[in-house]
Amino acid sequence: MIKNPDNILYVGITKNPKQRVLYHNEKRGSNFTKIKHNFQIVFLEKYETLAHARQREIQIKKWRREKKEMLIEKFNLGLETKQP
């Protein structure tokens, strides 16, 4: 998950998070990130397969903002966040 200075969250998957954030901030990603940029990584999980990562992405995208913020807070505290 990435967030910009306007407090806008964006959820996605990639093999290289740092490169992908740079790509978004150069306004070369989705149409959404072309308009809204200056993102920073605020939450990150690693999965062994693309299928598992996509499943988790879909799950998180369905959540309300408050639940996503709680996940970000746990991540920043170094707490375990992965779902079984």
PDB file of N, CA and C in Angstrom:
ATOM      1  N   MET A   1       0.856  -1.156   0.000  1.00  0.00           N
ATOM      2  CA  MET A   1       0.000   0.000   0.000  1.00  0.00           C
ATOM      3  C   MET A   1       0.909   1.228   0.000  1.00  0.00           C
ATOM      4  N   ILE A   2       0.513   2.217  -0.775  1.00  0.00           N
ATOM      5  CA  ILE A   2       1.249   3.475  -0.811  1.00  0.00           C
ATOM      6  C   ILE A   2       0.292   4.618  -0.479  1.00  0.00           C
ATOM      7  N   LYS A   3       0.879   5.712  -0.007  1.00  0.00           N
ATOM      8  CA  LYS A   3       0.077   6.870   0.385  1.00  0.00           C
ATOM      9  C   LYS A   3       0.804   8.117  -0.095  1.00  0.00           C
ATOM     10  N   ASN A   4       0.027   9.125  -0.492  1.00  0.00           N
ATOM     11  CA  ASN A   4       0.638  10.388  -0.920  1.00  0.00           C
ATOM     12  C   ASN A   4       0.389  11.478   0.127  1.00  0.00           C
ATOM     13  N   PRO A   5       0.961  12.676  -0.052  1.00  0.00           N
ATOM     14  CA  PRO A   5       0.787  13.751   0.937  1.00  0.00           C
ATOM     15  C   PRO A   5      -0.666  14.182   1.145  1.00  0.00           C
ATOM     16  N   ASP A   6      -1.542  13.893   0.178  1.00  0.00           N
ATOM     17  CA  ASP A   6      -2.962  14.208   0.337  1.00  0.00           C
ATOM     18  C   ASP A   6      -3.693  13.110   1.106  1.00  0.00           C
ATOM     19  N   ASN A   7      -2.922  12.144   1.652  1.00  0.00           N
ATOM     20  CA  ASN A   7      -3.462  11.049   2.458  1.00  0.00           C
ATOM     21  C   ASN A   7      -4.293  10.069   1.624  1.00  0.00           C
ATOM     22  N   ILE A   8      -3.982   9.962   0.349  1.00  0.00           N
ATOM     23  CA  ILE A   8      -4.686   9.050  -0.551  1.00  0.00           C
ATOM     24  C   ILE A   8      -3.940   7.724  -0.570  1.00  0.00           C
ATOM     25  N   LEU A   9      -4.678   6.629  -0.366  1.00  0.00           N
ATOM     26  CA  LEU A   9      -4.096   5.289  -0.375  1.00  0.00           C
ATOM     27  C   LEU A   9      -4.275   4.636  -1.738  1.00  0.00           C
ATOM     28  N   TYR A  10      -3.289   3.829  -2.104  1.00  0.00           N
ATOM     29  CA  TYR A  10      -3.356   3.044  -3.333  1.00  0.00           C
ATOM     30  C   TYR A  10      -2.864   1.644  -3.000  1.00  0.00           C
ATOM     31  N   VAL A  11      -3.625   0.636  -3.375  1.00  0.00           N
ATOM     32  CA  VAL A  11      -3.285  -0.759  -3.098  1.00  0.00           C
ATOM     33  C   VAL A  11      -2.942  -1.451  -4.406  1.00  0.00           C
ATOM     34  N   GLY A  12      -1.820  -2.158  -4.429  1.00  0.00           N
ATOM     35  CA  GLY A  12      -1.428  -2.878  -5.621  1.00  0.00           C
ATOM     36  C   GLY A  12      -0.400  -3.938  -5.301  1.00  0.00           C
ATOM     37  N   ILE A  13       0.015  -4.691  -6.321  1.00  0.00           N
ATOM     38  CA  ILE A  13       1.039  -5.714  -6.140  1.00  0.00           C
ATOM     39  C   ILE A  13       2.152  -5.501  -7.159  1.00  0.00           C
ATOM     40  N   THR A  14       3.358  -5.913  -6.779  1.00  0.00           N
ATOM     41  CA  THR A  14       4.516  -5.800  -7.653  1.00  0.00           C
ATOM     42  C   THR A  14       5.630  -6.690  -7.123  1.00  0.00           C
ATOM     43  N   LYS A  15       6.568  -7.044  -7.981  1.00  0.00           N
ATOM     44  CA  LYS A  15       7.743  -7.798  -7.554  1.00  0.00           C
ATOM     45  C   LYS A  15       8.809  -6.875  -6.966  1.00  0.00           C
ATOM     46  N   ASN A  16       8.773  -5.587  -7.341  1.00  0.00           N
ATOM     47  CA  ASN A  16       9.786  -4.641  -6.887  1.00  0.00           C
ATOM     48  C   ASN A  16       9.098  -3.365  -6.390  1.00  0.00           C
ATOM     49  N   PRO A  17       8.724  -3.316  -5.100  1.00  0.00           N
ATOM     50  CA  PRO A  17       7.964  -2.176  -4.569  1.00  0.00           C
ATOM     51  C   PRO A  17       8.652  -0.820  -4.731  1.00  0.00           C
ATOM     52  N   LYS A  18       9.948  -0.757  -4.461  1.00  0.00           N
ATOM     53  CA  LYS A  18      10.645   0.541  -4.571  1.00  0.00           C
ATOM     54  C   LYS A  18      10.629   1.062  -6.001  1.00  0.00           C
ATOM     55  N   GLN A  19      10.874   0.181  -6.949  1.00  0.00           N
ATOM     56  CA  GLN A  19      10.860   0.579  -8.354  1.00  0.00           C
ATOM     57  C   GLN A  19       9.452   1.000  -8.781  1.00  0.00           C
ATOM     58  N   ARG A  20       8.451   0.281  -8.284  1.00  0.00           N
ATOM     59  CA  ARG A  20       7.070   0.593  -8.667  1.00  0.00           C
ATOM     60  C   ARG A  20       6.626   1.952  -8.129  1.00  0.00           C
ATOM     61  N   VAL A  21       7.030   2.301  -6.893  1.00  0.00           N
ATOM     62  CA  VAL A  21       6.694   3.612  -6.335  1.00  0.00           C
ATOM     63  C   VAL A  21       7.363   4.702  -7.167  1.00  0.00           C
ATOM     64  N   LEU A  22       8.607   4.488  -7.528  1.00  0.00           N
ATOM     65  CA  LEU A  22       9.311   5.451  -8.384  1.00  0.00           C
ATOM     66  C   LEU A  22       8.567   5.616  -9.704  1.00  0.00           C
ATOM     67  N   TYR A  23       8.135   4.527 -10.273  1.00  0.00           N
ATOM     68  CA  TYR A  23       7.378   4.523 -11.527  1.00  0.00           C
ATOM     69  C   TYR A  23       6.092   5.348 -11.382  1.00  0.00           C
ATOM     70  N   HIS A  24       5.356   5.116 -10.299  1.00  0.00           N
ATOM     71  CA  HIS A  24       4.124   5.873 -10.047  1.00  0.00           C
ATOM     72  C   HIS A  24       4.428   7.364  -9.867  1.00  0.00           C
ATOM     73  N   ASN A  25       5.485   7.662  -9.134  1.00  0.00           N
ATOM     74  CA  ASN A  25       5.808   9.064  -8.860  1.00  0.00           C
ATOM     75  C   ASN A  25       6.339   9.802 -10.086  1.00  0.00           C
ATOM     76  N   GLU A  26       6.738   9.060 -11.090  1.00  0.00           N
ATOM     77  CA  GLU A  26       7.126   9.660 -12.370  1.00  0.00           C
ATOM     78  C   GLU A  26       5.910   9.786 -13.287  1.00  0.00           C
ATOM     79  N   LYS A  27       4.727   9.554 -12.717  1.00  0.00           N
ATOM     80  CA  LYS A  27       3.447   9.652 -13.425  1.00  0.00           C
ATOM     81  C   LYS A  27       3.365   8.675 -14.587  1.00  0.00           C
ATOM     82  N   ARG A  28       3.922   7.474 -14.392  1.00  0.00           N
ATOM     83  CA  ARG A  28       3.912   6.454 -15.430  1.00  0.00           C
ATOM     84  C   ARG A  28       3.205   5.197 -14.966  1.00  0.00           C
ATOM     85  N   GLY A  29       2.188   5.269 -14.219  1.00  0.00           N
ATOM     86  CA  GLY A  29       1.514   4.053 -13.770  1.00  0.00           C
ATOM     87  C   GLY A  29       0.078   4.064 -14.222  1.00  0.00           C
ATOM     88  N   SER A  30      -0.765   3.706 -13.319  1.00  0.00           N
ATOM     89  CA  SER A  30      -2.192   3.733 -13.607  1.00  0.00           C
ATOM     90  C   SER A  30      -2.647   5.179 -13.802  1.00  0.00           C
ATOM     91  N   ASN A  31      -3.802   5.363 -14.383  1.00  0.00           N
ATOM     92  CA  ASN A  31      -4.327   6.719 -14.556  1.00  0.00           C
ATOM     93  C   ASN A  31      -4.479   7.424 -13.217  1.00  0.00           C
ATOM     94  N   PHE A  32      -4.854   6.663 -12.186  1.00  0.00           N
ATOM     95  CA  PHE A  32      -5.010   7.238 -10.849  1.00  0.00           C
ATOM     96  C   PHE A  32      -3.705   7.841 -10.344  1.00  0.00           C
ATOM     97  N   THR A  33      -2.603   7.092 -10.481  1.00  0.00           N
ATOM     98  CA  THR A  33      -1.328   7.598  -9.961  1.00  0.00           C
ATOM     99  C   THR A  33      -0.683   8.626 -10.887  1.00  0.00           C
ATOM    100  N   LYS A  34      -1.165   8.754 -12.104  1.00  0.00           N
ATOM    101  CA  LYS A  34      -0.676   9.826 -12.975  1.00  0.00           C
ATOM    102  C   LYS A  34      -1.186  11.175 -12.480  1.00  0.00           C
ATOM    103  N   ILE A  35      -2.368  11.164 -11.892  1.00  0.00           N
ATOM    104  CA  ILE A  35      -2.975  12.394 -11.386  1.00  0.00           C
ATOM    105  C   ILE A  35      -2.505  12.673  -9.961  1.00  0.00           C
ATOM    106  N   LYS A  36      -2.517  11.646  -9.139  1.00  0.00           N
ATOM    107  CA  LYS A  36      -2.093  11.749  -7.742  1.00  0.00           C
ATOM    108  C   LYS A  36      -0.727  11.090  -7.630  1.00  0.00           C
ATOM    109  N   HIS A  37       0.282  11.822  -7.171  1.00  0.00           N
ATOM    110  CA  HIS A  37       1.619  11.241  -7.100  1.00  0.00           C
ATOM    111  C   HIS A  37       2.323  11.652  -5.803  1.00  0.00           C
ATOM    112  N   ASN A  38       3.645  11.461  -5.728  1.00  0.00           N
ATOM    113  CA  ASN A  38       4.462  11.647  -4.525  1.00  0.00           C
ATOM    114  C   ASN A  38       4.095  10.624  -3.457  1.00  0.00           C
ATOM    115  N   PHE A  39       3.961   9.377  -3.879  1.00  0.00           N
ATOM    116  CA  PHE A  39       3.602   8.289  -2.979  1.00  0.00           C
ATOM    117  C   PHE A  39       4.806   7.774  -2.206  1.00  0.00           C
ATOM    118  N   GLN A  40       4.526   7.207  -1.034  1.00  0.00           N
ATOM    119  CA  GLN A  40       5.521   6.507  -0.220  1.00  0.00           C
ATOM    120  C   GLN A  40       4.906   5.181   0.211  1.00  0.00           C
ATOM    121  N   ILE A  41       5.743   4.165   0.379  1.00  0.00           N
ATOM    122  CA  ILE A  41       5.267   2.869   0.844  1.00  0.00           C
ATOM    123  C   ILE A  41       4.894   2.989   2.320  1.00  0.00           C
ATOM    124  N   VAL A  42       3.670   2.567   2.656  1.00  0.00           N
ATOM    125  CA  VAL A  42       3.227   2.599   4.049  1.00  0.00           C
ATOM    126  C   VAL A  42       2.874   1.202   4.564  1.00  0.00           C
ATOM    127  N   PHE A  43       2.761   0.229   3.671  1.00  0.00           N
ATOM    128  CA  PHE A  43       2.456  -1.141   4.065  1.00  0.00           C
ATOM    129  C   PHE A  43       2.974  -2.085   2.994  1.00  0.00           C
ATOM    130  N   LEU A  44       3.568  -3.189   3.444  1.00  0.00           N
ATOM    131  CA  LEU A  44       4.171  -4.122   2.511  1.00  0.00           C
ATOM    132  C   LEU A  44       4.092  -5.537   3.068  1.00  0.00           C
ATOM    133  N   GLU A  45       3.686  -6.485   2.243  1.00  0.00           N
ATOM    134  CA  GLU A  45       3.708  -7.907   2.573  1.00  0.00           C
ATOM    135  C   GLU A  45       4.335  -8.649   1.404  1.00  0.00           C
ATOM    136  N   LYS A  46       4.978  -9.776   1.702  1.00  0.00           N
ATOM    137  CA  LYS A  46       5.609 -10.585   0.669  1.00  0.00           C
ATOM    138  C   LYS A  46       4.895 -11.932   0.571  1.00  0.00           C
ATOM    139  N   TYR A  47       4.617 -12.360  -0.642  1.00  0.00           N
ATOM    140  CA  TYR A  47       3.965 -13.641  -0.892  1.00  0.00           C
ATOM    141  C   TYR A  47       4.779 -14.451  -1.886  1.00  0.00           C
ATOM    142  N   GLU A  48       4.701 -15.766  -1.765  1.00  0.00           N
ATOM    143  CA  GLU A  48       5.476 -16.659  -2.621  1.00  0.00           C
ATOM    144  C   GLU A  48       4.934 -16.734  -4.044  1.00  0.00           C
ATOM    145  N   THR A  49       3.622 -16.561  -4.198  1.00  0.00           N
ATOM    146  CA  THR A  49       3.038 -16.670  -5.535  1.00  0.00           C
ATOM    147  C   THR A  49       2.221 -15.425  -5.873  1.00  0.00           C
ATOM    148  N   LEU A  50       2.110 -15.166  -7.154  1.00  0.00           N
ATOM    149  CA  LEU A  50       1.296 -14.054  -7.629  1.00  0.00           C
ATOM    150  C   LEU A  50      -0.168 -14.263  -7.246  1.00  0.00           C
ATOM    151  N   ALA A  51      -0.616 -15.494  -7.294  1.00  0.00           N
ATOM    152  CA  ALA A  51      -2.013 -15.795  -6.955  1.00  0.00           C
ATOM    153  C   ALA A  51      -2.328 -15.415  -5.511  1.00  0.00           C
ATOM    154  N   HIS A  52      -1.432 -15.750  -4.590  1.00  0.00           N
ATOM    155  CA  HIS A  52      -1.646 -15.389  -3.186  1.00  0.00           C
ATOM    156  C   HIS A  52      -1.596 -13.871  -2.997  1.00  0.00           C
ATOM    157  N   ALA A  53      -0.680 -13.218  -3.669  1.00  0.00           N
ATOM    158  CA  ALA A  53      -0.580 -11.757  -3.567  1.00  0.00           C
ATOM    159  C   ALA A  53      -1.844 -11.093  -4.110  1.00  0.00           C
ATOM    160  N   ARG A  54      -2.344 -11.576  -5.227  1.00  0.00           N
ATOM    161  CA  ARG A  54      -3.552 -11.021  -5.834  1.00  0.00           C
ATOM    162  C   ARG A  54      -4.764 -11.237  -4.921  1.00  0.00           C
ATOM    163  N   GLN A  55      -4.836 -12.395  -4.304  1.00  0.00           N
ATOM    164  CA  GLN A  55      -5.925 -12.704  -3.376  1.00  0.00           C
ATOM    165  C   GLN A  55      -5.923 -11.711  -2.204  1.00  0.00           C
ATOM    166  N   ARG A  56      -4.752 -11.449  -1.656  1.00  0.00           N
ATOM    167  CA  ARG A  56      -4.632 -10.512  -0.534  1.00  0.00           C
ATOM    168  C   ARG A  56      -4.943  -9.087  -0.979  1.00  0.00           C
ATOM    169  N   GLU A  57      -4.495  -8.711  -2.167  1.00  0.00           N
ATOM    170  CA  GLU A  57      -4.785  -7.381  -2.702  1.00  0.00           C
ATOM    171  C   GLU A  57      -6.299  -7.159  -2.794  1.00  0.00           C
ATOM    172  N   ILE A  58      -6.991  -8.118  -3.327  1.00  0.00           N
ATOM    173  CA  ILE A  58      -8.448  -8.021  -3.469  1.00  0.00           C
ATOM    174  C   ILE A  58      -9.108  -7.900  -2.098  1.00  0.00           C
ATOM    175  N   GLN A  59      -8.632  -8.682  -1.145  1.00  0.00           N
ATOM    176  CA  GLN A  59      -9.173  -8.621   0.211  1.00  0.00           C
ATOM    177  C   GLN A  59      -9.012  -7.224   0.799  1.00  0.00           C
ATOM    178  N   ILE A  60      -7.808  -6.677   0.725  1.00  0.00           N
ATOM    179  CA  ILE A  60      -7.538  -5.356   1.316  1.00  0.00           C
ATOM    180  C   ILE A  60      -8.330  -4.263   0.602  1.00  0.00           C
ATOM    181  N   LYS A  61      -8.454  -4.346  -0.711  1.00  0.00           N
ATOM    182  CA  LYS A  61      -9.193  -3.325  -1.459  1.00  0.00           C
ATOM    183  C   LYS A  61     -10.659  -3.242  -1.038  1.00  0.00           C
ATOM    184  N   LYS A  62     -11.209  -4.330  -0.535  1.00  0.00           N
ATOM    185  CA  LYS A  62     -12.611  -4.351  -0.101  1.00  0.00           C
ATOM    186  C   LYS A  62     -12.804  -3.699   1.269  1.00  0.00           C
ATOM    187  N   TRP A  63     -11.725  -3.524   2.016  1.00  0.00           N
ATOM    188  CA  TRP A  63     -11.815  -2.991   3.375  1.00  0.00           C
ATOM    189  C   TRP A  63     -12.117  -1.508   3.384  1.00  0.00           C
ATOM    190  N   ARG A  64     -12.730  -1.065   4.471  1.00  0.00           N
ATOM    191  CA  ARG A  64     -12.921   0.361   4.713  1.00  0.00           C
ATOM    192  C   ARG A  64     -11.583   0.999   5.060  1.00  0.00           C
ATOM    193  N   ARG A  65     -11.517   2.287   4.911  1.00  0.00           N
ATOM    194  CA  ARG A  65     -10.298   3.049   5.170  1.00  0.00           C
ATOM    195  C   ARG A  65      -9.748   2.785   6.579  1.00  0.00           C
ATOM    196  N   GLU A  66     -10.625   2.728   7.578  1.00  0.00           N
ATOM    197  CA  GLU A  66     -10.198   2.556   8.962  1.00  0.00           C
ATOM    198  C   GLU A  66      -9.431   1.252   9.151  1.00  0.00           C
ATOM    199  N   LYS A  67      -9.892   0.189   8.528  1.00  0.00           N
ATOM    200  CA  LYS A  67      -9.230  -1.107   8.658  1.00  0.00           C
ATOM    201  C   LYS A  67      -7.868  -1.083   7.963  1.00  0.00           C
ATOM    202  N   LYS A  68      -7.783  -0.406   6.830  1.00  0.00           N
ATOM    203  CA  LYS A  68      -6.499  -0.269   6.143  1.00  0.00           C
ATOM    204  C   LYS A  68      -5.517   0.520   6.997  1.00  0.00           C
ATOM    205  N   GLU A  69      -5.997   1.574   7.650  1.00  0.00           N
ATOM    206  CA  GLU A  69      -5.131   2.380   8.513  1.00  0.00           C
ATOM    207  C   GLU A  69      -4.625   1.565   9.700  1.00  0.00           C
ATOM    208  N   MET A  70      -5.472   0.674  10.241  1.00  0.00           N
ATOM    209  CA  MET A  70      -5.032  -0.192  11.337  1.00  0.00           C
ATOM    210  C   MET A  70      -3.936  -1.138  10.859  1.00  0.00           C
ATOM    211  N   LEU A  71      -4.049  -1.647   9.648  1.00  0.00           N
ATOM    212  CA  LEU A  71      -3.037  -2.518   9.070  1.00  0.00           C
ATOM    213  C   LEU A  71      -1.720  -1.760   8.902  1.00  0.00           C
ATOM    214  N   ILE A  72      -1.803  -0.528   8.429  1.00  0.00           N
ATOM    215  CA  ILE A  72      -0.613   0.317   8.264  1.00  0.00           C
ATOM    216  C   ILE A  72       0.047   0.572   9.619  1.00  0.00           C
ATOM    217  N   GLU A  73      -0.753   0.841  10.636  1.00  0.00           N
ATOM    218  CA  GLU A  73      -0.222   1.105  11.971  1.00  0.00           C
ATOM    219  C   GLU A  73       0.521  -0.122  12.514  1.00  0.00           C
ATOM    220  N   LYS A  74      -0.072  -1.307  12.352  1.00  0.00           N
ATOM    221  CA  LYS A  74       0.585  -2.538  12.792  1.00  0.00           C
ATOM    222  C   LYS A  74       1.903  -2.734  12.051  1.00  0.00           C
ATOM    223  N   PHE A  75       1.890  -2.470  10.760  1.00  0.00           N
ATOM    224  CA  PHE A  75       3.095  -2.613   9.935  1.00  0.00           C
ATOM    225  C   PHE A  75       4.198  -1.698  10.448  1.00  0.00           C
ATOM    226  N   ASN A  76       3.838  -0.451  10.753  1.00  0.00           N
ATOM    227  CA  ASN A  76       4.821   0.523  11.236  1.00  0.00           C
ATOM    228  C   ASN A  76       5.350   0.178  12.618  1.00  0.00           C
ATOM    229  N   LEU A  77       4.577  -0.577  13.395  1.00  0.00           N
ATOM    230  CA  LEU A  77       5.029  -1.025  14.715  1.00  0.00           C
ATOM    231  C   LEU A  77       5.813  -2.336  14.627  1.00  0.00           C
ATOM    232  N   GLY A  78       5.887  -2.890  13.427  1.00  0.00           N
ATOM    233  CA  GLY A  78       6.629  -4.133  13.227  1.00  0.00           C
ATOM    234  C   GLY A  78       5.860  -5.375  13.646  1.00  0.00           C
ATOM    235  N   LEU A  79       4.538  -5.273  13.746  1.00  0.00           N
ATOM    236  CA  LEU A  79       3.715  -6.411  14.136  1.00  0.00           C
ATOM    237  C   LEU A  79       3.340  -7.257  12.927  1.00  0.00           C
ATOM    238  N   GLU A  80       3.085  -8.524  13.160  1.00  0.00           N
ATOM    239  CA  GLU A  80       2.675  -9.444  12.097  1.00  0.00           C
ATOM    240  C   GLU A  80       1.329  -9.017  11.531  1.00  0.00           C
ATOM    241  N   THR A  81       1.195  -9.007  10.198  1.00  0.00           N
ATOM    242  CA  THR A  81      -0.038  -8.529   9.583  1.00  0.00           C
ATOM    243  C   THR A  81      -0.660  -9.544   8.623  1.00  0.00           C
ATOM    244  N   LYS A  82       0.069 -10.552   8.195  1.00  0.00           N
ATOM    245  CA  LYS A  82      -0.458 -11.481   7.191  1.00  0.00           C
ATOM    246  C   LYS A  82      -1.659 -12.250   7.709  1.00  0.00           C
ATOM    247  N   GLN A  83      -2.604 -12.476   6.811  1.00  0.00           N
ATOM    248  CA  GLN A  83      -3.776 -13.272   7.117  1.00  0.00           C
ATOM    249  C   GLN A  83      -3.466 -14.719   6.753  1.00  0.00           C
ATOM    250  N   PRO A  84      -4.019 -15.698   7.486  1.00  0.00           N
ATOM    251  CA  PRO A  84      -3.773 -17.113   7.145  1.00  0.00           C
ATOM    252  C   PRO A  84      -4.370 -17.491   5.815  1.00  0.00           C
TER     253      PRO A  84
END
